[in-house]
Protein backbone atom coordinates (compact mmCIF):
# COMPACT_ATOMS: atom_id res chain seq x y z
CA MET A 1 18.25 22.67 18.14
CA ARG A 2 15.19 21.90 16.00
CA ARG A 3 17.39 20.42 13.25
CA ARG A 4 19.11 18.19 15.79
CA LEU A 5 15.74 16.91 17.00
CA LEU A 6 14.73 16.24 13.39
CA ALA A 7 17.92 14.28 12.76
CA VAL A 8 17.44 12.19 15.90
CA THR A 9 13.82 11.45 14.97
CA ALA A 10 14.78 10.50 11.42
CA ALA A 11 17.46 8.11 12.62
CA ALA A 12 15.12 6.53 15.16
CA LEU A 13 12.33 6.03 12.63
CA ILE A 14 14.65 4.52 10.05
CA GLY A 15 16.01 2.13 12.67
CA ALA A 16 12.53 1.20 13.80
CA ALA A 17 11.51 0.25 10.28
CA GLY A 18 13.27 -3.08 10.68
CA CYS A 19 12.14 -4.05 14.16
CA GLY A 20 9.16 -4.13 16.48
CA GLY A 21 7.98 -3.34 19.99
CA ALA A 22 5.97 -4.18 23.06
CA GLY A 23 4.98 -2.64 26.32
CA SER A 24 3.75 -3.11 29.84
CA GLY A 25 0.90 -2.03 32.08
CA PRO A 26 -2.72 -3.05 32.50
CA ALA A 27 -4.30 -4.71 29.48
CA PRO A 28 -7.92 -5.18 28.46
CA GLY A 29 -9.51 -8.08 30.31
CA PRO A 30 -10.40 -11.37 28.65
CA VAL A 31 -13.52 -11.56 26.53
CA SER A 32 -16.17 -13.95 27.81
CA PRO A 33 -17.91 -15.99 25.08
CA SER A 34 -21.60 -15.24 24.65
CA PRO A 35 -23.81 -18.16 25.70
CA SER A 36 -25.69 -17.85 22.38
CA ALA A 37 -22.59 -17.81 20.16
CA ALA A 38 -21.82 -20.80 17.99
CA PRO A 39 -18.80 -22.65 19.34
CA VAL A 40 -15.53 -22.15 17.52
CA THR A 41 -13.51 -25.32 17.05
CA GLY A 42 -9.97 -26.12 15.98
CA PRO A 43 -7.54 -26.92 14.58
CA TYR A 44 -6.55 -23.24 14.52
CA ALA A 45 -3.69 -21.91 12.35
CA ALA A 46 -2.37 -18.38 12.90
CA LEU A 47 -0.48 -16.74 10.03
CA GLY A 48 1.09 -13.30 9.94
CA ASP A 49 3.95 -10.90 10.54
CA SER A 50 5.42 -9.26 13.66
CA TYR A 51 2.12 -7.60 14.57
CA THR A 52 0.78 -11.14 14.93
CA SER A 53 3.87 -12.83 16.36
CA GLY A 54 4.25 -10.30 19.18
CA LEU A 55 7.85 -9.28 18.52
CA ARG A 56 9.84 -8.93 21.76
CA ILE A 57 6.81 -9.31 24.02
CA PRO A 58 7.77 -11.83 26.74
CA PRO A 59 7.61 -14.73 26.94
CA GLN A 60 9.23 -15.41 23.58
CA GLY A 61 9.31 -18.93 22.20
CA GLY A 62 8.69 -21.21 19.26
CA THR A 63 10.91 -22.08 16.34
CA PRO A 64 12.69 -20.64 14.55
CA GLN A 65 13.64 -18.11 17.21
CA GLY A 66 14.03 -15.45 14.55
CA CYS A 67 10.24 -15.33 14.16
CA ALA A 68 9.99 -13.79 17.64
CA ARG A 69 6.66 -15.30 18.71
CA SER A 70 5.18 -14.31 22.04
CA GLY A 71 3.24 -16.65 24.28
CA VAL A 72 0.75 -13.82 24.82
CA ASN A 73 0.29 -12.67 21.23
CA TYR A 74 -3.30 -12.37 20.04
CA PRO A 75 -3.47 -15.85 18.43
CA SER A 76 -2.31 -17.45 21.68
CA LEU A 77 -4.85 -15.45 23.66
CA VAL A 78 -7.64 -16.38 21.25
CA ALA A 79 -6.71 -20.06 21.38
CA ARG A 80 -6.59 -19.95 25.17
CA GLN A 81 -9.91 -18.11 25.48
CA LEU A 82 -11.64 -20.60 23.15
CA ASP A 83 -9.87 -23.59 24.72
CA LEU A 84 -8.49 -24.69 21.35
CA LYS A 85 -5.87 -27.31 22.11
CA ASP A 86 -4.95 -27.93 18.47
CA PHE A 87 -3.31 -24.57 17.77
CA THR A 88 -0.42 -23.81 15.42
CA ASP A 89 1.22 -20.37 15.32
CA VAL A 90 3.47 -19.90 12.28
CA SER A 91 3.50 -16.09 12.30
CA CYS A 92 6.94 -14.59 11.87
CA SER A 93 8.52 -11.18 12.34
CA GLY A 94 9.34 -9.55 9.03
CA ALA A 95 6.95 -11.77 7.05
CA ARG A 96 5.56 -10.58 3.75
CA THR A 97 2.70 -12.04 1.72
CA GLY A 98 5.22 -14.06 -0.32
CA ASP A 99 6.21 -15.88 2.87
CA LEU A 100 2.77 -17.45 3.03
CA THR A 101 3.78 -19.70 0.15
CA ALA A 102 7.60 -19.76 0.42
CA ALA A 103 10.07 -20.33 3.25
CA GLN A 104 11.18 -17.22 5.13
CA HIS A 105 14.78 -17.04 6.25
CA THR A 106 15.42 -15.47 9.65
CA ASP A 107 18.45 -15.04 11.90
CA GLY A 108 17.31 -18.12 13.80
CA GLY A 109 16.67 -20.36 10.80
CA ALA A 110 14.04 -20.84 8.13
CA ASN A 111 10.32 -20.58 8.78
CA PRO A 112 8.46 -22.96 6.43
CA PRO A 113 5.78 -21.56 4.11
CA GLN A 114 3.05 -20.43 6.47
CA LEU A 115 0.32 -22.04 4.40
CA ASP A 116 1.85 -25.42 5.25
CA ALA A 117 0.03 -25.07 8.59
CA VAL A 118 -3.35 -25.12 6.83
CA GLY A 119 -4.97 -28.42 5.88
CA ALA A 120 -8.30 -30.10 5.31
CA ALA A 121 -8.90 -30.50 9.05
CA THR A 122 -8.30 -26.81 9.83
CA ARG A 123 -11.38 -25.02 11.16
CA LEU A 124 -10.03 -21.55 12.01
CA VAL A 125 -7.41 -19.40 10.27
CA THR A 126 -6.34 -15.86 11.14
CA VAL A 127 -4.12 -13.91 8.74
CA GLY A 128 -2.41 -10.67 9.78
CA ILE A 129 -0.03 -9.58 7.03
CA GLY A 130 0.62 -6.92 4.38
CA GLY A 131 2.30 -4.08 6.26
CA ASN A 132 5.81 -5.15 5.31
CA ASP A 133 4.82 -5.47 1.65
CA ALA A 134 3.48 -1.92 1.71
CA GLY A 135 6.67 -0.72 3.39
CA PHE A 136 4.56 1.08 5.96
CA LEU A 137 7.36 1.61 8.47
CA ASP A 138 9.59 2.68 5.58
CA VAL A 139 7.07 5.44 4.90
CA LEU A 140 7.48 6.66 8.47
CA GLY A 141 11.26 6.72 8.03
CA ARG A 142 10.98 8.53 4.68
CA CYS A 143 8.73 11.14 6.27
CA ALA A 144 11.35 11.87 8.92
CA VAL A 145 14.06 12.13 6.23
CA GLU A 146 11.97 14.46 4.06
CA ASN A 147 11.16 16.67 7.03
CA LEU A 148 14.86 16.86 7.92
CA ARG A 149 15.80 17.69 4.34
CA ASN A 150 13.08 20.33 4.20
CA SER A 151 14.39 21.92 7.39
CA LEU A 152 18.04 21.92 6.27
CA ALA A 153 17.13 23.48 2.94
CA ASP A 154 14.81 26.01 4.60
CA GLU A 155 12.14 25.19 2.03
CA GLY A 156 9.28 25.80 4.42
CA ALA A 157 7.00 23.05 3.04
CA ASP A 158 4.04 22.18 5.26
CA ALA A 159 4.00 18.50 4.25
CA PRO A 160 7.26 17.48 2.55
CA CYS A 161 6.54 13.77 2.94
CA ARG A 162 3.11 14.03 1.35
CA ALA A 163 4.74 15.93 -1.53
CA TYR A 164 7.39 13.20 -1.92
CA TYR A 165 4.77 10.47 -2.27
CA THR A 166 2.19 12.40 -4.31
CA THR A 167 4.15 14.62 -6.70
CA GLY A 168 7.82 13.79 -6.05
CA THR A 169 10.21 10.88 -6.47
CA GLY A 170 7.96 8.45 -4.58
CA ARG A 171 4.80 9.30 -6.51
CA GLY A 172 2.49 6.26 -6.60
CA GLU A 173 5.01 4.05 -4.79
CA VAL A 174 2.78 3.11 -1.87
CA GLN A 175 -0.21 2.45 -4.12
CA ARG A 176 1.83 0.14 -6.36
CA LYS A 177 3.09 -1.82 -3.37
CA LEU A 178 -0.41 -2.07 -1.92
CA ALA A 179 -1.82 -3.35 -5.20
CA ALA A 180 0.90 -5.99 -5.52
CA ALA A 181 0.43 -7.07 -1.89
CA GLY A 182 -3.31 -7.26 -2.43
CA ASP A 183 -2.90 -9.56 -5.42
CA ARG A 184 -0.63 -11.92 -3.48
CA LEU A 185 -2.92 -11.89 -0.45
CA GLY A 186 -5.94 -12.58 -2.63
CA SER A 187 -4.22 -15.62 -4.14
CA ALA A 188 -3.19 -16.83 -0.67
CA LEU A 189 -6.74 -16.51 0.66
CA ASP A 190 -8.03 -18.51 -2.31
CA GLU A 191 -5.45 -21.19 -1.52
CA ILE A 192 -6.51 -21.26 2.14
CA LYS A 193 -10.10 -21.85 1.03
CA ARG A 194 -8.94 -24.62 -1.29
CA ARG A 195 -6.88 -26.33 1.42
CA ALA A 196 -9.36 -25.82 4.25
CA PRO A 197 -12.85 -25.42 2.74
CA ARG A 198 -14.56 -25.78 6.13
CA ALA A 199 -12.41 -23.24 7.96
CA ARG A 200 -13.50 -19.84 9.20
CA VAL A 201 -10.96 -17.39 7.77
CA LEU A 202 -10.31 -13.99 9.35
CA VAL A 203 -8.06 -11.27 7.91
CA VAL A 204 -6.84 -9.18 10.84
CA GLY A 205 -6.20 -5.49 10.16
CA TYR A 206 -3.62 -3.21 11.73
CA PRO A 207 -4.30 -1.11 14.86
CA ALA A 208 -3.94 2.67 14.79
CA LEU A 209 -0.33 3.78 15.03
CA LEU A 210 -1.12 7.49 15.02
CA PRO A 211 -4.04 9.62 16.22
CA GLN A 212 -6.53 11.27 13.88
CA ASP A 213 -5.53 14.63 15.37
CA PRO A 214 -1.82 15.03 14.54
CA THR A 215 -1.35 17.59 17.32
CA GLY A 216 -1.76 14.67 19.71
CA CYS A 217 1.73 13.52 18.76
CA ALA A 218 3.53 16.74 19.62
CA SER A 219 4.90 15.44 22.92
CA THR A 220 5.90 12.06 21.42
CA LEU A 221 7.39 12.99 18.06
CA GLY A 222 8.31 16.58 18.87
CA SER A 223 9.09 18.55 15.71
CA GLY A 224 10.49 15.51 13.91
CA VAL A 225 7.54 15.19 11.53
CA ALA A 226 5.19 17.99 10.48
CA PRO A 227 1.59 17.61 11.68
CA ALA A 228 0.36 17.45 8.09
CA ASP A 229 2.72 14.56 7.41
CA ILE A 230 1.59 12.72 10.55
CA ALA A 231 -1.92 12.94 9.11
CA PHE A 232 -0.58 11.68 5.77
CA VAL A 233 0.99 8.60 7.39
CA ALA A 234 -2.28 7.88 9.20
CA GLU A 235 -4.05 8.03 5.83
CA GLN A 236 -1.63 5.47 4.38
CA GLU A 237 -2.38 3.03 7.18
CA GLN A 238 -6.08 3.42 6.54
CA GLN A 239 -5.48 2.63 2.86
CA LEU A 240 -3.64 -0.52 3.91
CA ASN A 241 -6.57 -1.61 6.07
CA THR A 242 -9.01 -0.78 3.27
CA MET A 243 -7.07 -3.07 0.93
CA LEU A 244 -7.14 -5.86 3.52
CA ARG A 245 -10.88 -5.42 4.05
CA GLN A 246 -11.57 -5.53 0.30
CA ARG A 247 -9.43 -8.62 -0.25
CA ALA A 248 -11.09 -10.39 2.66
CA GLY A 249 -14.51 -9.60 1.25
CA SER A 250 -13.58 -10.80 -2.24
CA ALA A 251 -12.31 -14.10 -0.82
CA GLY A 252 -15.35 -14.69 1.38
CA ALA A 253 -13.30 -14.15 4.54
CA ALA A 254 -14.16 -11.94 7.51
CA PHE A 255 -12.21 -8.74 8.22
CA VAL A 256 -11.25 -7.91 11.81
CA ASP A 257 -11.12 -4.16 12.32
CA THR A 258 -8.52 -3.48 15.00
CA TYR A 259 -8.09 0.13 13.87
CA ALA A 260 -11.42 1.33 15.25
CA ALA A 261 -10.96 -0.66 18.46
CA SER A 262 -7.55 0.94 19.03
CA SER A 263 -8.71 4.53 18.57
CA GLY A 264 -7.18 6.59 21.36
CA HIS A 265 -4.61 3.87 22.06
CA ASP A 266 -2.02 4.82 19.42
CA MET A 267 1.68 5.28 20.11
CA CYS A 268 1.14 8.92 21.03
CA ALA A 269 -1.35 8.09 23.78
CA ALA A 270 -0.42 8.11 27.45
CA GLU A 271 1.74 5.24 28.69
CA GLY A 272 -1.12 3.55 30.50
CA GLU A 273 -3.43 3.78 27.48
CA ARG A 274 -1.37 3.04 24.40
CA TRP A 275 -1.47 -0.26 22.54
CA ILE A 276 1.46 0.70 20.32
CA GLU A 277 4.92 1.48 21.66
CA PRO A 278 6.45 4.81 20.56
CA LEU A 279 10.01 5.35 19.35
CA SER A 280 11.18 5.43 22.95
CA ALA A 281 9.84 1.94 23.69
CA ALA A 282 10.13 0.32 27.09
CA PRO A 283 13.60 -1.17 27.78
CA GLY A 284 14.19 -4.36 25.83
CA LEU A 285 11.13 -3.85 23.67
CA ALA A 286 10.86 -2.65 20.08
CA PRO A 287 9.13 0.53 18.85
CA ILE A 288 6.09 1.09 16.64
CA HIS A 289 4.51 -2.32 17.30
CA PRO A 290 1.72 -3.56 19.58
CA ASN A 291 2.62 -4.03 23.23
CA ALA A 292 1.03 -6.66 25.51
CA ARG A 293 -2.00 -4.43 25.98
CA GLY A 294 -2.32 -4.09 22.21
CA GLN A 295 -2.18 -7.84 21.71
CA GLN A 296 -5.03 -8.25 24.18
CA GLY A 297 -7.00 -5.57 22.38
CA MET A 298 -6.46 -7.32 19.06
CA ALA A 299 -7.47 -10.65 20.60
CA ALA A 300 -10.69 -9.07 21.83
CA ALA A 301 -11.42 -7.78 18.31
CA VAL A 302 -10.88 -11.27 16.86
CA LEU A 303 -13.15 -12.84 19.48
CA THR A 304 -15.81 -10.25 18.78
CA SER A 305 -15.63 -11.03 15.07
CA LEU A 306 -16.11 -14.72 15.92
CA GLY A 307 -19.19 -13.85 18.00
CA GLN A 308 -17.41 -14.79 21.23
CA HIS A 309 -18.22 -11.70 23.27
């Protein structure tokens, strides 16, 4: 029975690596600008991947349709809260850092290079990207596979996924991908500064997918992934956010920490609390991505970083 559960979890995680999710339920309320905060003006350009676009969160719109942009993703909420009429959202599901400077092909057509949305008049830019470069969801899928293999072979390893990425076939793989993504992001941030020297630039980090205490995922993931490997995956996400923070700092941009804000709202939290959908996402919505509540939480973090709280 345990091996069957492992196989189901592995298949679900591998499938989720190529998609996204959303959810329902009460969301954090809007953030009211502080009377003493400096006003934030547009034009505003939002760049990023599916965590920015709001994959499958209704209402979906924009072109190309393959980018899966939501009308209530965090850039839209920020623009609405700040009353920025000149707002351009070019975020796109599946985007990598290379898609900032080159066209991205989707099932619904090509999304132009995202940096095309940034010009001399731009006054605000948010960038939420890097997770696809690092293959973060692929790591989750690999962990499920390694745990299944470990179980079938009766090897009894406590953290087979950690072993795969630290001493096994995948040794150094995540770090190499992170370094390459960091270099491309750094170049893109320099280009944003060149194109829009008067813009405020914010690099938006990724919210917590998993809890710090891996036992908190027992009811969500079952025995599909060992607790020690759940902790390992959480560590990899923190490394991703650390890279984003460092690159933002080097480029003179601000870093928006959504990880701390989402503590206790990961995919293993209760349905009414989570910002990230689990593998068993709500009908019609994709797993392991922010839900509507998560998008509001991320919007609040962006507004706080802008001093609009």
